[in-house]
Structures are given as structure tokens and as C-alpha cells.
Amino acid sequence: MRSPSYSGRHRAPGRHRAPRRALRVPTGLRAGFVLPGAAAAALVVTATGATVADSAPVSAAVSGARGANATGKPTTQETGPGELDRLEQEHDRLQHEQQREMQSAAAQSRVQTAHRIARTAERQAVAKKRAAEAVKKAEATRKARERWVMPIKGATFTSGYGWRWGRLHQGDDFGTPVGTPLASMSTGTVRFAGWEGGYGNKIEIQYWDGTVSVFGHLSRVDVKVGDKVAPGEVVGHSGNTGHSTGPHLHLEIHPDGGAAIDPAPWLHAHHLQ
């Protein structure tokens, strides 16, 4: 017979489990009162023997902090609508500054190009002007070098080119006192200077175009063979030497160094008479 003090099945000593205690809910948390989600979660975790710090999901829920995810990138909460607007504005500002810098660089490049073109045009103008001046100077030099002058001034024409006394008189005679200066008729080279028979003291000059002039009956010769002479340069003085009947200059003209011609037409063609 079973003892009245036992009811139900027999339990061996030391093997039975302690009865579970019911979770006691504070009075303030009973029916009709709802905790916020974070507080409720903390309460449940605490009741089951775990700490809030040991549970990452619960900790994130409780703290509500914004942080970085596993990739290190900002979370969605960090780049909310306001932050996105700010980033877009910053992006637009940077693009605007870049465009402005590009426009400024382009404008500066255009200015530099315009300056370079202007300087090139200026240099070309200066070079053109200098070339024109050089040409003008060279032309003036040429004209000065190739100009023609009469060999004697203030003389009187006394005899012309032609036959007389059975022989050809090959030039024109100009009566003038002894010692009158005689000038080179243009740029040339002295090819004879000295005494020659009936000419007395004689000078021959070959000019730049090949023409040769002959001066006869001089009282004095002031040049020698090979001398370079310029237009109007004094080369001797008139006289009465050789076959002469009075003081005068005997002038002959030999084109290209050939035979003598009548000096009068030649002098007229060169604007000397």
C-alpha cells in the first residue's frame, strides 16, 4: 500500500528538477502598458541571462548609432536625403569650377594666340619695312654709283667731232684756262694715266657700263692705273700739252671700249648737255 504522503509517480532522490519560476513582470509593465521596442528587447535579453553588449543585433537596435558596414562604406542612414543633396551640390559646384577654369584657360589661350599673331605680324611688318628700306638704299647707292657728270665746268665748246686737216678729230674740245679741275664722269677704273704723243698728258677711265672716256692735253695727272674713281672725283687738271693750239680739254667717248663716237649725242642721251 502506498503511503498517503506520496501522490503521482515516485521520484528518486536527487534526480528531480527544480520547478521553473514564472517570469515576474513588474506591475508597471502589465496589461495595458507597452514598452518601446528597444526597452522590451533589453528586458527580454536580461531575463534570459544574456547581456545587451553581447548581442550585436540588439546592441545596434538599442544604440541606434550610424556607422560603417562591413565594407567600410557609409550606411544608408549616413547618406540620407539631406546628405545626398549636399553631395550633389558639392559635385555641381566642382563641375562649375572646373568648367570655369577650362573657360578661363581657353580664353587665356586665345589671348596668347592673338598676341603671338600680332607679334608675328609686327615682326613681318618690321622685316618688310627693313627690306624695303634696304632695297631703297641699294637703289640710291646704285644710282649714285652709276650717275653721270660732265668732266669740266665753265668751259666753252670750241671744236667738235669730225674730219679736219686730213684726219679724224675723234672728240670735242672745250676751251678752259690751264689748271681747271677735271672730274671722273662716273664710277670706274683708271686704265691709263701719263704721257702719250699728240695727246700730251692723257687719262683713260673705263666706267661701270664699259664706256671709256679720254682726257687729253692735261697740265697735271692726279691718278694712276688701277685707281677706283667715283662720279665727280677730280683726276687731273686741264692744260696745253701735246699737239695743242691753246689751253683746252680734249674729250673722247668710246662705248664698250671700242671706237670713238661723236660725244655730243652721247652727252645729250646722258642728260649732260
Protein backbone atom coordinates (compact mmCIF):
# COMPACT_ATOMS: atom_id res chain seq x y z
CA MET A 1 0.00 0.00 0.00
CA ARG A 2 1.27 3.38 -1.00
CA SER A 3 1.82 5.96 1.65
CA PRO A 4 -0.72 8.74 1.64
CA SER A 5 2.10 11.31 1.65
CA TYR A 6 3.01 10.42 -1.95
CA SER A 7 0.92 11.29 -4.93
CA GLY A 8 1.68 10.57 -8.56
CA ARG A 9 4.85 8.77 -9.74
CA HIS A 10 7.75 8.15 -7.43
CA ARG A 11 10.80 10.35 -7.94
CA ALA A 12 14.20 9.26 -6.94
CA PRO A 13 16.02 11.48 -4.54
CA GLY A 14 18.48 13.98 -6.19
CA ARG A 15 17.21 13.49 -9.76
CA HIS A 16 14.21 15.71 -9.84
CA ARG A 17 14.40 19.20 -11.41
CA ALA A 18 13.61 22.34 -9.56
CA PRO A 19 10.34 23.79 -10.61
CA ARG A 20 10.62 26.70 -13.03
CA ARG A 21 9.82 30.09 -11.79
CA ALA A 22 7.42 32.14 -13.74
CA LEU A 23 8.78 35.41 -15.13
CA ARG A 24 7.70 38.14 -12.89
CA VAL A 25 6.59 41.21 -14.76
CA PRO A 26 6.70 44.46 -12.89
CA THR A 27 3.43 45.97 -12.08
CA GLY A 28 4.02 48.90 -14.33
CA LEU A 29 4.51 46.56 -17.31
CA ARG A 30 1.33 44.57 -17.03
CA ALA A 31 -1.57 44.56 -19.42
CA GLY A 32 -2.39 47.91 -20.91
CA PHE A 33 1.27 49.19 -20.88
CA VAL A 34 3.57 48.76 -23.93
CA LEU A 35 7.36 49.29 -23.77
CA PRO A 36 9.31 50.66 -26.66
CA GLY A 37 10.88 48.02 -28.82
CA ALA A 38 14.42 48.62 -27.59
CA ALA A 39 13.47 48.52 -23.91
CA ALA A 40 11.41 45.39 -24.41
CA ALA A 41 14.26 43.68 -26.17
CA ALA A 42 16.66 44.64 -23.41
CA LEU A 43 14.28 43.36 -20.80
CA VAL A 44 13.88 40.02 -22.57
CA VAL A 45 17.61 39.58 -23.03
CA THR A 46 18.30 40.43 -19.41
CA ALA A 47 15.69 37.97 -18.26
CA THR A 48 17.26 35.13 -20.24
CA GLY A 49 20.70 35.71 -18.71
CA ALA A 50 22.39 37.49 -21.67
CA THR A 51 23.90 40.99 -21.70
CA VAL A 52 22.97 43.73 -24.10
CA ALA A 53 26.60 44.20 -25.06
CA ASP A 54 26.98 40.52 -26.05
CA SER A 55 24.28 40.72 -28.72
CA ALA A 56 25.25 42.76 -31.84
CA PRO A 57 21.76 42.98 -33.32
CA VAL A 58 20.24 44.06 -30.05
CA SER A 59 23.10 46.49 -29.40
CA ALA A 60 22.60 48.07 -32.82
CA ALA A 61 18.89 48.29 -32.16
CA VAL A 62 19.40 49.82 -28.72
CA SER A 63 22.11 52.29 -29.66
CA GLY A 64 20.59 53.31 -32.98
CA ALA A 65 24.10 54.68 -33.93
CA ARG A 66 25.14 55.30 -37.51
CA GLY A 67 28.28 53.54 -38.55
CA ALA A 68 30.06 51.79 -41.38
CA ASN A 69 29.03 48.41 -42.73
CA ALA A 70 31.39 45.52 -43.35
CA THR A 71 32.85 47.17 -46.48
CA GLY A 72 33.71 50.40 -44.67
CA LYS A 73 31.25 52.42 -46.74
CA PRO A 74 28.72 54.78 -45.20
CA THR A 75 25.42 53.15 -44.33
CA THR A 76 22.12 54.19 -45.81
CA GLN A 77 21.36 56.15 -42.65
CA GLU A 78 24.56 58.22 -43.08
CA THR A 79 23.74 59.12 -46.71
CA GLY A 80 20.21 60.18 -46.15
CA PRO A 81 18.30 62.61 -48.40
CA GLY A 82 19.95 65.66 -46.85
CA GLU A 83 23.45 64.27 -47.22
CA LEU A 84 22.78 63.25 -50.85
CA ASP A 85 21.58 66.76 -51.63
CA ARG A 86 24.74 68.19 -50.11
CA LEU A 87 26.95 65.83 -52.10
CA GLU A 88 25.11 66.64 -55.32
CA GLN A 89 25.51 70.36 -54.64
CA GLU A 90 29.23 69.87 -53.98
CA HIS A 91 29.55 67.84 -57.19
CA ASP A 92 27.76 70.57 -59.16
CA ARG A 93 29.98 73.22 -57.58
CA LEU A 94 33.14 71.35 -58.50
CA GLN A 95 31.90 70.83 -62.05
CA HIS A 96 31.07 74.53 -62.31
CA GLU A 97 34.54 75.47 -61.06
CA GLN A 98 36.15 73.05 -63.49
CA GLN A 99 34.15 74.47 -66.39
CA ARG A 100 35.04 78.00 -65.31
CA GLU A 101 38.74 77.07 -65.13
CA MET A 102 38.55 75.46 -68.57
CA GLN A 103 36.83 78.54 -69.98
CA SER A 104 39.45 80.77 -68.36
CA ALA A 105 42.26 78.63 -69.78
CA ALA A 106 40.65 78.71 -73.23
CA ALA A 107 40.25 82.48 -73.04
CA GLN A 108 43.86 82.86 -71.94
CA SER A 109 44.98 80.61 -74.79
CA ARG A 110 43.01 82.74 -77.27
CA VAL A 111 44.61 85.89 -75.89
CA GLN A 112 48.07 84.36 -76.11
CA THR A 113 47.38 83.22 -79.66
CA ALA A 114 46.17 86.71 -80.60
CA HIS A 115 49.30 88.25 -79.04
CA ARG A 116 51.50 85.75 -80.87
CA ILE A 117 49.80 86.53 -84.18
CA ALA A 118 50.14 90.26 -83.51
CA ARG A 119 53.83 89.89 -82.67
CA THR A 120 54.39 87.79 -85.79
CA ALA A 121 52.59 90.37 -87.92
CA GLU A 122 54.63 93.13 -86.29
CA ARG A 123 57.89 91.29 -86.93
CA GLN A 124 56.86 90.66 -90.51
CA ALA A 125 55.95 94.32 -90.95
CA VAL A 126 59.30 95.38 -89.50
CA ALA A 127 61.13 92.88 -91.70
CA LYS A 128 59.18 94.08 -94.74
CA LYS A 129 59.93 97.69 -93.90
CA ARG A 130 63.61 96.94 -93.42
CA ALA A 131 63.70 95.03 -96.68
CA ALA A 132 62.03 97.94 -98.46
CA GLU A 133 64.48 100.36 -96.87
CA ALA A 134 67.37 98.10 -97.87
CA VAL A 135 66.09 97.97 -101.44
CA LYS A 136 65.62 101.74 -101.45
CA LYS A 137 69.10 102.27 -100.03
CA ALA A 138 70.61 99.86 -102.52
CA GLU A 139 68.80 101.63 -105.34
CA ALA A 140 70.03 105.01 -104.11
CA THR A 141 73.55 103.63 -103.85
CA ARG A 142 73.30 102.21 -107.36
CA LYS A 143 72.02 105.48 -108.77
CA ALA A 144 74.78 107.39 -107.00
CA ARG A 145 77.37 104.96 -108.27
CA GLU A 146 76.03 104.98 -111.83
CA ARG A 147 75.26 108.66 -112.19
CA TRP A 148 76.98 110.65 -114.90
CA VAL A 149 78.59 114.11 -114.68
CA MET A 150 80.40 116.44 -117.05
CA PRO A 151 84.18 116.27 -116.65
CA ILE A 152 84.61 120.04 -116.72
CA LYS A 153 82.59 123.06 -115.61
CA GLY A 154 82.52 126.58 -117.01
CA ALA A 155 84.26 125.62 -120.28
CA THR A 156 83.47 126.83 -123.80
CA PHE A 157 82.88 124.39 -126.65
CA THR A 158 85.47 125.19 -129.35
CA SER A 159 85.66 122.21 -131.74
CA GLY A 160 83.60 119.10 -132.43
CA TYR A 161 83.96 115.55 -133.62
CA GLY A 162 84.86 115.10 -137.37
CA TRP A 163 87.44 115.24 -140.11
CA ARG A 164 89.85 118.12 -140.34
CA TRP A 165 93.26 118.68 -141.90
CA GLY A 166 93.06 115.28 -143.49
CA ARG A 167 92.45 113.26 -140.32
CA LEU A 168 89.58 112.41 -137.94
CA HIS A 169 89.25 114.56 -134.87
CA GLN A 170 87.79 111.91 -132.51
CA GLY A 171 86.38 114.14 -129.80
CA ASP A 172 85.07 117.51 -128.62
CA ASP A 173 87.28 120.36 -127.43
CA PHE A 174 86.38 122.64 -124.53
CA GLY A 175 88.44 125.79 -124.08
CA THR A 176 89.34 126.49 -120.43
CA PRO A 177 92.25 128.06 -118.52
CA VAL A 178 95.19 125.86 -117.60
CA GLY A 179 94.68 124.14 -114.24
CA THR A 180 90.89 123.75 -114.42
CA PRO A 181 89.90 120.60 -112.37
CA LEU A 182 88.80 117.60 -114.43
CA ALA A 183 86.40 115.03 -112.91
CA SER A 184 85.63 111.37 -113.45
CA MET A 185 82.35 111.11 -115.36
CA SER A 186 81.04 108.14 -113.29
CA THR A 187 82.20 105.15 -111.24
CA GLY A 188 85.12 103.46 -112.95
CA THR A 189 88.73 102.35 -113.03
CA VAL A 190 91.74 104.21 -114.42
CA ARG A 191 93.27 102.15 -117.22
CA PHE A 192 95.85 104.70 -118.50
CA ALA A 193 97.48 107.74 -116.85
CA GLY A 194 100.52 109.50 -118.34
CA TRP A 195 102.09 110.96 -121.47
CA GLU A 196 101.07 109.77 -124.97
CA GLY A 197 102.31 111.60 -128.13
CA GLY A 198 100.00 114.29 -129.50
CA TYR A 199 97.63 113.86 -126.50
CA GLY A 200 100.27 115.15 -124.17
CA ASN A 201 99.25 114.17 -120.62
CA LYS A 202 96.39 111.72 -121.03
CA ILE A 203 93.93 109.84 -118.75
CA GLU A 204 91.69 106.91 -119.79
CA ILE A 205 88.90 105.75 -117.47
CA GLN A 206 86.66 102.71 -118.04
CA TYR A 207 83.26 103.09 -116.35
CA TRP A 208 80.82 100.59 -114.85
CA ASP A 209 78.93 100.12 -118.18
CA GLY A 210 82.09 99.60 -120.24
CA THR A 211 82.27 103.12 -121.66
CA VAL A 212 85.78 104.63 -121.85
CA SER A 213 86.49 108.38 -121.65
CA VAL A 214 89.74 110.00 -122.82
CA PHE A 215 91.03 113.30 -121.44
CA GLY A 216 93.93 114.91 -123.43
CA HIS A 217 96.35 117.86 -123.17
CA LEU A 218 96.30 117.90 -119.33
CA SER A 219 98.67 120.01 -117.31
CA ARG A 220 98.64 117.52 -114.42
CA VAL A 221 97.62 113.88 -113.79
CA ASP A 222 96.41 113.07 -110.27
CA VAL A 223 95.64 109.32 -110.62
CA LYS A 224 97.47 106.15 -111.60
CA VAL A 225 96.47 102.98 -113.42
CA GLY A 226 94.17 100.75 -111.39
CA ASP A 227 92.72 103.52 -109.22
CA LYS A 228 88.96 103.31 -108.49
CA VAL A 229 87.18 106.59 -109.06
CA ALA A 230 83.71 107.88 -108.24
CA PRO A 231 81.45 110.29 -110.14
CA GLY A 232 82.79 113.85 -109.85
CA GLU A 233 86.12 112.83 -108.32
CA VAL A 234 88.99 115.06 -109.51
CA VAL A 235 91.51 113.05 -111.57
CA GLY A 236 93.64 115.83 -113.13
CA HIS A 237 93.77 119.41 -114.42
CA SER A 238 93.39 120.89 -117.88
CA GLY A 239 96.39 122.22 -119.83
CA ASN A 240 98.04 122.79 -123.21
CA THR A 241 100.35 119.79 -123.61
CA GLY A 242 100.93 117.69 -126.76
CA HIS A 243 99.58 118.86 -130.14
CA SER A 244 97.51 121.81 -128.87
CA THR A 245 96.98 125.35 -130.09
CA GLY A 246 95.67 126.61 -126.76
CA PRO A 247 94.60 125.53 -123.28
CA HIS A 248 91.63 123.20 -123.55
CA LEU A 249 90.23 119.73 -122.69
CA HIS A 250 90.09 117.17 -125.47
CA LEU A 251 87.24 114.69 -124.63
CA GLU A 252 86.65 111.38 -126.39
CA ILE A 253 83.88 108.77 -125.76
CA HIS A 254 84.43 105.07 -126.62
CA PRO A 255 81.29 102.90 -125.94
CA ASP A 256 82.28 99.45 -124.62
CA GLY A 257 85.90 100.47 -125.06
CA GLY A 258 85.57 100.40 -128.87
CA ALA A 259 85.96 103.10 -131.49
CA ALA A 260 85.36 106.75 -130.65
CA ILE A 261 81.93 108.25 -131.41
CA ASP A 262 80.63 111.79 -131.59
CA PRO A 263 80.43 112.83 -127.91
CA ALA A 264 77.56 115.31 -128.39
CA PRO A 265 74.68 112.78 -128.89
CA TRP A 266 76.08 110.56 -126.13
CA LEU A 267 76.31 113.52 -123.72
CA HIS A 268 72.75 114.53 -124.59
CA ALA A 269 71.45 110.98 -124.02
CA HIS A 270 73.04 111.01 -120.55
CA HIS A 271 71.49 114.39 -119.70
CA LEU A 272 74.89 116.13 -119.60
CA GLN A 273 74.19 118.65 -122.38
